[in-house]
Structures are given as C-alpha cells and as structure tokens.
Amino acid sequence: MAPDEAVVGCIGVLLVHTRGAAGPGEVLVRVRGGSEAFLAWSAEPLPKGAPVLVIESRGSRQVDVIAWADPLDALAGDAGDAG
C-alpha cells in the first residue's frame, strides 16, 4: 500500500505505548477533519498518552512518530512574565 502523505506532519496521542525496535504502539492522529488510529513505530519507547509528531508514513495505516512538545506551550508559560 502507498504511503499516506496526508498524515505526515500531523500531531497525535499514543493510545498504546511504543516499544522502540521491539514493536509498535497505536496513535490517534488528527487528520482529514477527524481522528484516525494508526500503528505507531518509534526509535525509542514512548509512553501511553504521550503527544507525538508523525514524521513518516509506512503505508497500510502505519506511521513513524517522535515525541512532541508544542513550542507554543512554552510561550504561554512566559505570558505572565511580560508585564
């Protein structure tokens, strides 16, 4: 099956932890105006509930993910210091 390029660059949340090279987890990704579940592979283990960024599609509803920290969250923490 061809890679699903629409999902690359999307943010998701792990429903099932990943185990690095030992096996995939499952991620719920916001894509195409809704949410879809994919098998999620990562280089290192990531915990259930972790926010992730989809960096590649493997096709067949499988994606590669990395841990994600929204850079806007850091800016929101600084807003109280502006005054």
PDB file of N, CA and C in Angstrom:
ATOM      1  N   MET A   1       0.838  -1.185   0.000  1.00  0.00           N
ATOM      2  CA  MET A   1       0.000   0.000   0.000  1.00  0.00           C
ATOM      3  C   MET A   1       0.880   1.244   0.000  1.00  0.00           C
ATOM      4  N   ALA A   2       0.466   2.272  -0.697  1.00  0.00           N
ATOM      5  CA  ALA A   2       1.236   3.512  -0.822  1.00  0.00           C
ATOM      6  C   ALA A   2       1.223   4.290   0.502  1.00  0.00           C
ATOM      7  N   PRO A   3       2.281   5.040   0.755  1.00  0.00           N
ATOM      8  CA  PRO A   3       2.312   5.884   1.959  1.00  0.00           C
ATOM      9  C   PRO A   3       1.162   6.896   1.955  1.00  0.00           C
ATOM     10  N   ASP A   4       0.694   7.251   3.127  1.00  0.00           N
ATOM     11  CA  ASP A   4      -0.379   8.230   3.308  1.00  0.00           C
ATOM     12  C   ASP A   4       0.263   9.563   3.672  1.00  0.00           C
ATOM     13  N   GLU A   5       0.567  10.370   2.660  1.00  0.00           N
ATOM     14  CA  GLU A   5       1.292  11.624   2.880  1.00  0.00           C
ATOM     15  C   GLU A   5       0.474  12.634   3.683  1.00  0.00           C
ATOM     16  N   ALA A   6      -0.849  12.529   3.704  1.00  0.00           N
ATOM     17  CA  ALA A   6      -1.687  13.481   4.434  1.00  0.00           C
ATOM     18  C   ALA A   6      -1.429  13.443   5.936  1.00  0.00           C
ATOM     19  N   VAL A   7      -0.965  12.326   6.442  1.00  0.00           N
ATOM     20  CA  VAL A   7      -0.769  12.171   7.884  1.00  0.00           C
ATOM     21  C   VAL A   7       0.605  12.686   8.349  1.00  0.00           C
ATOM     22  N   VAL A   8       1.571  12.794   7.437  1.00  0.00           N
ATOM     23  CA  VAL A   8       2.913  13.257   7.800  1.00  0.00           C
ATOM     24  C   VAL A   8       2.831  14.712   8.238  1.00  0.00           C
ATOM     25  N   GLY A   9       3.393  15.002   9.415  1.00  0.00           N
ATOM     26  CA  GLY A   9       3.355  16.345   9.985  1.00  0.00           C
ATOM     27  C   GLY A   9       2.204  16.568  10.939  1.00  0.00           C
ATOM     28  N   CYS A  10       1.328  15.578  11.080  1.00  0.00           N
ATOM     29  CA  CYS A  10       0.189  15.700  11.992  1.00  0.00           C
ATOM     30  C   CYS A  10       0.603  15.330  13.417  1.00  0.00           C
ATOM     31  N   ILE A  11      -0.150  15.862  14.368  1.00  0.00           N
ATOM     32  CA  ILE A  11       0.069  15.591  15.783  1.00  0.00           C
ATOM     33  C   ILE A  11      -0.915  14.514  16.226  1.00  0.00           C
ATOM     34  N   GLY A  12      -0.457  13.647  17.134  1.00  0.00           N
ATOM     35  CA  GLY A  12      -1.322  12.620  17.672  1.00  0.00           C
ATOM     36  C   GLY A  12      -1.010  12.328  19.124  1.00  0.00           C
ATOM     37  N   VAL A  13      -1.777  11.423  19.719  1.00  0.00           N
ATOM     38  CA  VAL A  13      -1.592  10.983  21.102  1.00  0.00           C
ATOM     39  C   VAL A  13      -1.535   9.464  21.102  1.00  0.00           C
ATOM     40  N   LEU A  14      -0.557   8.914  21.812  1.00  0.00           N
ATOM     41  CA  LEU A  14      -0.426   7.458  21.860  1.00  0.00           C
ATOM     42  C   LEU A  14      -1.530   6.829  22.701  1.00  0.00           C
ATOM     43  N   LEU A  15      -2.255   5.891  22.092  1.00  0.00           N
ATOM     44  CA  LEU A  15      -3.273   5.114  22.794  1.00  0.00           C
ATOM     45  C   LEU A  15      -2.649   3.892  23.452  1.00  0.00           C
ATOM     46  N   VAL A  16      -1.587   3.376  22.819  1.00  0.00           N
ATOM     47  CA  VAL A  16      -0.824   2.233  23.324  1.00  0.00           C
ATOM     48  C   VAL A  16       0.647   2.608  23.203  1.00  0.00           C
ATOM     49  N   HIS A  17       1.426   2.391  24.268  1.00  0.00           N
ATOM     50  CA  HIS A  17       2.840   2.786  24.255  1.00  0.00           C
ATOM     51  C   HIS A  17       3.614   2.099  23.129  1.00  0.00           C
ATOM     52  N   THR A  18       4.653   2.780  22.644  1.00  0.00           N
ATOM     53  CA  THR A  18       5.537   2.158  21.662  1.00  0.00           C
ATOM     54  C   THR A  18       6.685   1.490  22.415  1.00  0.00           C
ATOM     55  N   ARG A  19       7.333   0.527  21.751  1.00  0.00           N
ATOM     56  CA  ARG A  19       8.415  -0.223  22.400  1.00  0.00           C
ATOM     57  C   ARG A  19       9.726  -0.097  21.644  1.00  0.00           C
ATOM     58  N   GLY A  20       9.896   0.969  20.897  1.00  0.00           N
ATOM     59  CA  GLY A  20      11.119   1.133  20.119  1.00  0.00           C
ATOM     60  C   GLY A  20      11.224   0.026  19.085  1.00  0.00           C
ATOM     61  N   ALA A  21      12.409  -0.560  18.975  1.00  0.00           N
ATOM     62  CA  ALA A  21      12.640  -1.628  17.998  1.00  0.00           C
ATOM     63  C   ALA A  21      11.857  -2.907  18.318  1.00  0.00           C
ATOM     64  N   ALA A  22      11.358  -3.030  19.556  1.00  0.00           N
ATOM     65  CA  ALA A  22      10.642  -4.237  19.966  1.00  0.00           C
ATOM     66  C   ALA A  22       9.206  -4.294  19.439  1.00  0.00           C
ATOM     67  N   GLY A  23       8.678  -3.174  18.939  1.00  0.00           N
ATOM     68  CA  GLY A  23       7.336  -3.241  18.389  1.00  0.00           C
ATOM     69  C   GLY A  23       6.591  -1.932  18.444  1.00  0.00           C
ATOM     70  N   PRO A  24       5.486  -1.875  17.699  1.00  0.00           N
ATOM     71  CA  PRO A  24       4.726  -0.631  17.603  1.00  0.00           C
ATOM     72  C   PRO A  24       3.729  -0.459  18.739  1.00  0.00           C
ATOM     73  N   GLY A  25       3.241   0.775  18.844  1.00  0.00           N
ATOM     74  CA  GLY A  25       2.102   1.095  19.682  1.00  0.00           C
ATOM     75  C   GLY A  25       0.969   1.507  18.760  1.00  0.00           C
ATOM     76  N   GLU A  26       0.058   2.306  19.296  1.00  0.00           N
ATOM     77  CA  GLU A  26      -1.049   2.807  18.489  1.00  0.00           C
ATOM     78  C   GLU A  26      -1.222   4.288  18.779  1.00  0.00           C
ATOM     79  N   VAL A  27      -1.448   5.067  17.732  1.00  0.00           N
ATOM     80  CA  VAL A  27      -1.596   6.514  17.863  1.00  0.00           C
ATOM     81  C   VAL A  27      -2.912   6.965  17.253  1.00  0.00           C
ATOM     82  N   LEU A  28      -3.561   7.922  17.907  1.00  0.00           N
ATOM     83  CA  LEU A  28      -4.749   8.567  17.378  1.00  0.00           C
ATOM     84  C   LEU A  28      -4.303   9.912  16.826  1.00  0.00           C
ATOM     85  N   VAL A  29      -4.465  10.092  15.517  1.00  0.00           N
ATOM     86  CA  VAL A  29      -3.964  11.271  14.808  1.00  0.00           C
ATOM     87  C   VAL A  29      -5.129  12.124  14.329  1.00  0.00           C
ATOM     88  N   ARG A  30      -5.003  13.445  14.517  1.00  0.00           N
ATOM     89  CA  ARG A  30      -5.976  14.385  13.962  1.00  0.00           C
ATOM     90  C   ARG A  30      -5.600  14.643  12.512  1.00  0.00           C
ATOM     91  N   VAL A  31      -6.435  14.159  11.593  1.00  0.00           N
ATOM     92  CA  VAL A  31      -6.146  14.274  10.167  1.00  0.00           C
ATOM     93  C   VAL A  31      -7.456  14.273   9.383  1.00  0.00           C
ATOM     94  N   ARG A  32      -7.489  14.963   8.273  1.00  0.00           N
ATOM     95  CA  ARG A  32      -8.648  14.993   7.371  1.00  0.00           C
ATOM     96  C   ARG A  32      -9.942  15.418   8.069  1.00  0.00           C
ATOM     97  N   GLY A  33      -9.855  16.342   9.016  1.00  0.00           N
ATOM     98  CA  GLY A  33     -11.046  16.840   9.697  1.00  0.00           C
ATOM     99  C   GLY A  33     -11.602  15.912  10.762  1.00  0.00           C
ATOM    100  N   GLY A  34     -10.867  14.887  11.122  1.00  0.00           N
ATOM    101  CA  GLY A  34     -11.314  13.948  12.145  1.00  0.00           C
ATOM    102  C   GLY A  34     -10.121  13.325  12.839  1.00  0.00           C
ATOM    103  N   SER A  35     -10.320  12.164  13.412  1.00  0.00           N
ATOM    104  CA  SER A  35      -9.244  11.429  14.074  1.00  0.00           C
ATOM    105  C   SER A  35      -9.218  10.006  13.542  1.00  0.00           C
ATOM    106  N   GLU A  36      -8.007   9.498  13.310  1.00  0.00           N
ATOM    107  CA  GLU A  36      -7.830   8.143  12.803  1.00  0.00           C
ATOM    108  C   GLU A  36      -6.726   7.454  13.594  1.00  0.00           C
ATOM    109  N   ALA A  37      -6.856   6.143  13.778  1.00  0.00           N
ATOM    110  CA  ALA A  37      -5.863   5.354  14.509  1.00  0.00           C
ATOM    111  C   ALA A  37      -4.883   4.698  13.528  1.00  0.00           C
ATOM    112  N   PHE A  38      -3.611   4.666  13.925  1.00  0.00           N
ATOM    113  CA  PHE A  38      -2.541   4.063  13.135  1.00  0.00           C
ATOM    114  C   PHE A  38      -1.633   3.273  14.059  1.00  0.00           C
ATOM    115  N   LEU A  39      -0.970   2.222  13.524  1.00  0.00           N
ATOM    116  CA  LEU A  39       0.134   1.609  14.246  1.00  0.00           C
ATOM    117  C   LEU A  39       1.260   2.630  14.275  1.00  0.00           C
ATOM    118  N   ALA A  40       1.915   2.777  15.416  1.00  0.00           N
ATOM    119  CA  ALA A  40       2.941   3.805  15.587  1.00  0.00           C
ATOM    120  C   ALA A  40       4.280   3.176  15.946  1.00  0.00           C
ATOM    121  N   TRP A  41       5.283   3.460  15.139  1.00  0.00           N
ATOM    122  CA  TRP A  41       6.642   2.998  15.374  1.00  0.00           C
ATOM    123  C   TRP A  41       7.499   4.171  15.821  1.00  0.00           C
ATOM    124  N   SER A  42       8.426   3.942  16.757  1.00  0.00           N
ATOM    125  CA  SER A  42       9.342   4.990  17.207  1.00  0.00           C
ATOM    126  C   SER A  42      10.716   4.381  17.466  1.00  0.00           C
ATOM    127  N   ALA A  43      11.743   5.215  17.394  1.00  0.00           N
ATOM    128  CA  ALA A  43      13.115   4.739  17.616  1.00  0.00           C
ATOM    129  C   ALA A  43      13.332   4.302  19.059  1.00  0.00           C
ATOM    130  N   GLU A  44      12.726   5.026  19.996  1.00  0.00           N
ATOM    131  CA  GLU A  44      12.829   4.657  21.406  1.00  0.00           C
ATOM    132  C   GLU A  44      11.422   4.497  21.971  1.00  0.00           C
ATOM    133  N   PRO A  45      11.274   3.757  23.057  1.00  0.00           N
ATOM    134  CA  PRO A  45       9.945   3.574  23.648  1.00  0.00           C
ATOM    135  C   PRO A  45       9.338   4.912  24.080  1.00  0.00           C
ATOM    136  N   LEU A  46       8.037   5.053  23.847  1.00  0.00           N
ATOM    137  CA  LEU A  46       7.292   6.240  24.263  1.00  0.00           C
ATOM    138  C   LEU A  46       6.077   5.784  25.060  1.00  0.00           C
ATOM    139  N   PRO A  47       5.701   6.503  26.128  1.00  0.00           N
ATOM    140  CA  PRO A  47       4.607   6.061  26.991  1.00  0.00           C
ATOM    141  C   PRO A  47       3.218   6.352  26.430  1.00  0.00           C
ATOM    142  N   LYS A  48       2.252   5.587  26.887  1.00  0.00           N
ATOM    143  CA  LYS A  48       0.847   5.827  26.562  1.00  0.00           C
ATOM    144  C   LYS A  48       0.491   7.250  26.978  1.00  0.00           C
ATOM    145  N   GLY A  49      -0.264   7.949  26.128  1.00  0.00           N
ATOM    146  CA  GLY A  49      -0.676   9.312  26.435  1.00  0.00           C
ATOM    147  C   GLY A  49       0.284  10.381  25.961  1.00  0.00           C
ATOM    148  N   ALA A  50       1.460   9.976  25.467  1.00  0.00           N
ATOM    149  CA  ALA A  50       2.458  10.949  25.017  1.00  0.00           C
ATOM    150  C   ALA A  50       2.009  11.615  23.722  1.00  0.00           C
ATOM    151  N   PRO A  51       2.181  12.937  23.628  1.00  0.00           N
ATOM    152  CA  PRO A  51       1.927  13.596  22.347  1.00  0.00           C
ATOM    153  C   PRO A  51       3.066  13.277  21.385  1.00  0.00           C
ATOM    154  N   VAL A  52       2.730  13.027  20.126  1.00  0.00           N
ATOM    155  CA  VAL A  52       3.743  12.661  19.136  1.00  0.00           C
ATOM    156  C   VAL A  52       3.503  13.402  17.825  1.00  0.00           C
ATOM    157  N   LEU A  53       4.561  13.481  17.028  1.00  0.00           N
ATOM    158  CA  LEU A  53       4.522  14.057  15.689  1.00  0.00           C
ATOM    159  C   LEU A  53       4.770  12.940  14.692  1.00  0.00           C
ATOM    160  N   VAL A  54       3.930  12.827  13.685  1.00  0.00           N
ATOM    161  CA  VAL A  54       4.116  11.822  12.634  1.00  0.00           C
ATOM    162  C   VAL A  54       5.189  12.336  11.676  1.00  0.00           C
ATOM    163  N   ILE A  55       6.273  11.567  11.519  1.00  0.00           N
ATOM    164  CA  ILE A  55       7.378  12.000  10.663  1.00  0.00           C
ATOM    165  C   ILE A  55       7.452  11.222   9.353  1.00  0.00           C
ATOM    166  N   GLU A  56       6.761  10.078   9.281  1.00  0.00           N
ATOM    167  CA  GLU A  56       6.776   9.294   8.044  1.00  0.00           C
ATOM    168  C   GLU A  56       5.612   8.324   8.039  1.00  0.00           C
ATOM    169  N   SER A  57       5.088   8.045   6.837  1.00  0.00           N
ATOM    170  CA  SER A  57       4.054   7.038   6.665  1.00  0.00           C
ATOM    171  C   SER A  57       4.689   5.786   6.077  1.00  0.00           C
ATOM    172  N   ARG A  58       4.354   4.642   6.647  1.00  0.00           N
ATOM    173  CA  ARG A  58       4.841   3.364   6.131  1.00  0.00           C
ATOM    174  C   ARG A  58       3.814   2.705   5.221  1.00  0.00           C
ATOM    175  N   GLY A  59       2.659   3.372   5.013  1.00  0.00           N
ATOM    176  CA  GLY A  59       1.564   2.759   4.279  1.00  0.00           C
ATOM    177  C   GLY A  59       0.839   1.779   5.190  1.00  0.00           C
ATOM    178  N   SER A  60      -0.235   1.190   4.720  1.00  0.00           N
ATOM    179  CA  SER A  60      -1.004   0.195   5.487  1.00  0.00           C
ATOM    180  C   SER A  60      -1.331   0.671   6.907  1.00  0.00           C
ATOM    181  N   ARG A  61      -1.651   1.978   7.054  1.00  0.00           N
ATOM    182  CA  ARG A  61      -2.044   2.557   8.351  1.00  0.00           C
ATOM    183  C   ARG A  61      -0.964   2.398   9.401  1.00  0.00           C
ATOM    184  N   GLN A  62       0.295   2.540   8.992  1.00  0.00           N
ATOM    185  CA  GLN A  62       1.434   2.505   9.899  1.00  0.00           C
ATOM    186  C   GLN A  62       2.261   3.776   9.716  1.00  0.00           C
ATOM    187  N   VAL A  63       2.703   4.367  10.838  1.00  0.00           N
ATOM    188  CA  VAL A  63       3.469   5.601  10.788  1.00  0.00           C
ATOM    189  C   VAL A  63       4.672   5.536  11.728  1.00  0.00           C
ATOM    190  N   ASP A  64       5.661   6.371  11.443  1.00  0.00           N
ATOM    191  CA  ASP A  64       6.789   6.589  12.347  1.00  0.00           C
ATOM    192  C   ASP A  64       6.523   7.877  13.099  1.00  0.00           C
ATOM    193  N   VAL A  65       6.767   7.871  14.416  1.00  0.00           N
ATOM    194  CA  VAL A  65       6.496   9.034  15.248  1.00  0.00           C
ATOM    195  C   VAL A  65       7.704   9.377  16.116  1.00  0.00           C
ATOM    196  N   ILE A  66       7.730  10.642  16.564  1.00  0.00           N
ATOM    197  CA  ILE A  66       8.707  11.093  17.561  1.00  0.00           C
ATOM    198  C   ILE A  66       7.935  11.828  18.644  1.00  0.00           C
ATOM    199  N   ALA A  67       8.541  11.932  19.834  1.00  0.00           N
ATOM    200  CA  ALA A  67       7.922  12.689  20.925  1.00  0.00           C
ATOM    201  C   ALA A  67       7.741  14.133  20.479  1.00  0.00           C
ATOM    202  N   TRP A  68       6.668  14.761  20.921  1.00  0.00           N
ATOM    203  CA  TRP A  68       6.347  16.121  20.505  1.00  0.00           C
ATOM    204  C   TRP A  68       6.049  16.981  21.721  1.00  0.00           C
ATOM    205  N   ALA A  69       6.662  18.154  21.754  1.00  0.00           N
ATOM    206  CA  ALA A  69       6.340  19.168  22.753  1.00  0.00           C
ATOM    207  C   ALA A  69       5.951  20.416  21.981  1.00  0.00           C
ATOM    208  N   ASP A  70       4.738  20.881  22.148  1.00  0.00           N
ATOM    209  CA  ASP A  70       4.249  22.042  21.409  1.00  0.00           C
ATOM    210  C   ASP A  70       5.040  23.282  21.818  1.00  0.00           C
ATOM    211  N   PRO A  71       5.744  23.927  20.883  1.00  0.00           N
ATOM    212  CA  PRO A  71       6.543  25.106  21.238  1.00  0.00           C
ATOM    213  C   PRO A  71       5.679  26.269  21.725  1.00  0.00           C
ATOM    214  N   LEU A  72       4.407  26.289  21.363  1.00  0.00           N
ATOM    215  CA  LEU A  72       3.525  27.354  21.846  1.00  0.00           C
ATOM    216  C   LEU A  72       3.209  27.215  23.326  1.00  0.00           C
ATOM    217  N   ASP A  73       3.324  26.009  23.881  1.00  0.00           N
ATOM    218  CA  ASP A  73       3.122  25.824  25.313  1.00  0.00           C
ATOM    219  C   ASP A  73       4.177  26.587  26.104  1.00  0.00           C
ATOM    220  N   ALA A  74       5.404  26.628  25.622  1.00  0.00           N
ATOM    221  CA  ALA A  74       6.477  27.350  26.300  1.00  0.00           C
ATOM    222  C   ALA A  74       6.194  28.848  26.265  1.00  0.00           C
ATOM    223  N   LEU A  75       5.663  29.336  25.162  1.00  0.00           N
ATOM    224  CA  LEU A  75       5.335  30.764  25.057  1.00  0.00           C
ATOM    225  C   LEU A  75       4.197  31.129  25.994  1.00  0.00           C
ATOM    226  N   ALA A  76       3.229  30.266  26.165  1.00  0.00           N
ATOM    227  CA  ALA A  76       2.106  30.536  27.058  1.00  0.00           C
ATOM    228  C   ALA A  76       2.584  30.658  28.498  1.00  0.00           C
ATOM    229  N   GLY A  77       3.605  29.914  28.866  1.00  0.00           N
ATOM    230  CA  GLY A  77       4.163  29.995  30.219  1.00  0.00           C
ATOM    231  C   GLY A  77       4.885  31.312  30.453  1.00  0.00           C
ATOM    232  N   ASP A  78       5.403  31.941  29.385  1.00  0.00           N
ATOM    233  CA  ASP A  78       6.115  33.207  29.504  1.00  0.00           C
ATOM    234  C   ASP A  78       5.185  34.410  29.514  1.00  0.00           C
ATOM    235  N   ALA A  79       3.922  34.242  29.170  1.00  0.00           N
ATOM    236  CA  ALA A  79       2.997  35.361  29.048  1.00  0.00           C
ATOM    237  C   ALA A  79       2.830  36.118  30.368  1.00  0.00           C
ATOM    238  N   GLY A  80       2.901  35.423  31.485  1.00  0.00           N
ATOM    239  CA  GLY A  80       2.776  36.068  32.796  1.00  0.00           C
ATOM    240  C   GLY A  80       3.976  36.915  33.147  1.00  0.00           C
ATOM    241  N   ASP A  81       5.115  36.681  32.499  1.00  0.00           N
ATOM    242  CA  ASP A  81       6.323  37.422  32.790  1.00  0.00           C
ATOM    243  C   ASP A  81       6.439  38.701  31.964  1.00  0.00           C
ATOM    244  N   ALA A  82       5.506  38.934  31.034  1.00  0.00           N
ATOM    245  CA  ALA A  82       5.605  40.051  30.095  1.00  0.00           C
ATOM    246  C   ALA A  82       5.372  41.403  30.761  1.00  0.00           C
ATOM    247  N   GLY A  83       4.681  41.447  31.890  1.00  0.00           N
ATOM    248  CA  GLY A  83       4.261  42.709  32.465  1.00  0.00           C
ATOM    249  C   GLY A  83       5.210  43.307  33.389  1.00  0.00           C
TER     250      GLY A  83
END
